[in-house]
């Protein structure tokens, strides 16, 4: 059965961190749907690139399609204010919590691990990485992410959580997600094909 992945796109998202996973996963035969956070299907990235999403998150929810049982993974790009806009979306956060409860893959890159996953306590007891400096938000005294361990690795997979550092690691991030969904070595096939 074909794997299904949802990618969040919010105003101010980091373009490379969203488009690279969409492209690589589709090359691997994974069914990828990009969902705009907000009211418009057109979303502008942090560098002014306009993208037309496949759907709007609220429409998916209204159509009964925003259910963890229908998806294998969700990808949360970074970028500012994109990551903060995702964190401010009740629909996006509720879906992430539902995906976590179902043991589905939650994949976040750049600022998203710290600004989206950490406030939801999804990094509690996890090894993670993120954009340099953002880890302070996760590891700060009083944070609910007890036992979270930050590492400088370019990509980290800790059970169902996949995290990565930034735009320059988007290819490796995408390959790691493919490996988790399709099996070890499948991501390398795509990476080799695009000369990563």
Foldseek 3Di string as FASTA:
>chain_A
DAAEEEEEAEAAFAVLLGVLLVVLCVVLVHHYFYAYEDDAQWHAHNVGDIDRGRYHLVVCVVVVNLALVNHQEYEYTDGPPGLLSLQPGPSNLVSVVRNVVVQHAYEYEALNCLSHVQVSLNQALHEEEHAPPSCCSNPPPPGSSHNGHYDPDQWDDDRRYIYGYHSVSSLVSSLVVCCVVPNPPSSVVSCVVVVD
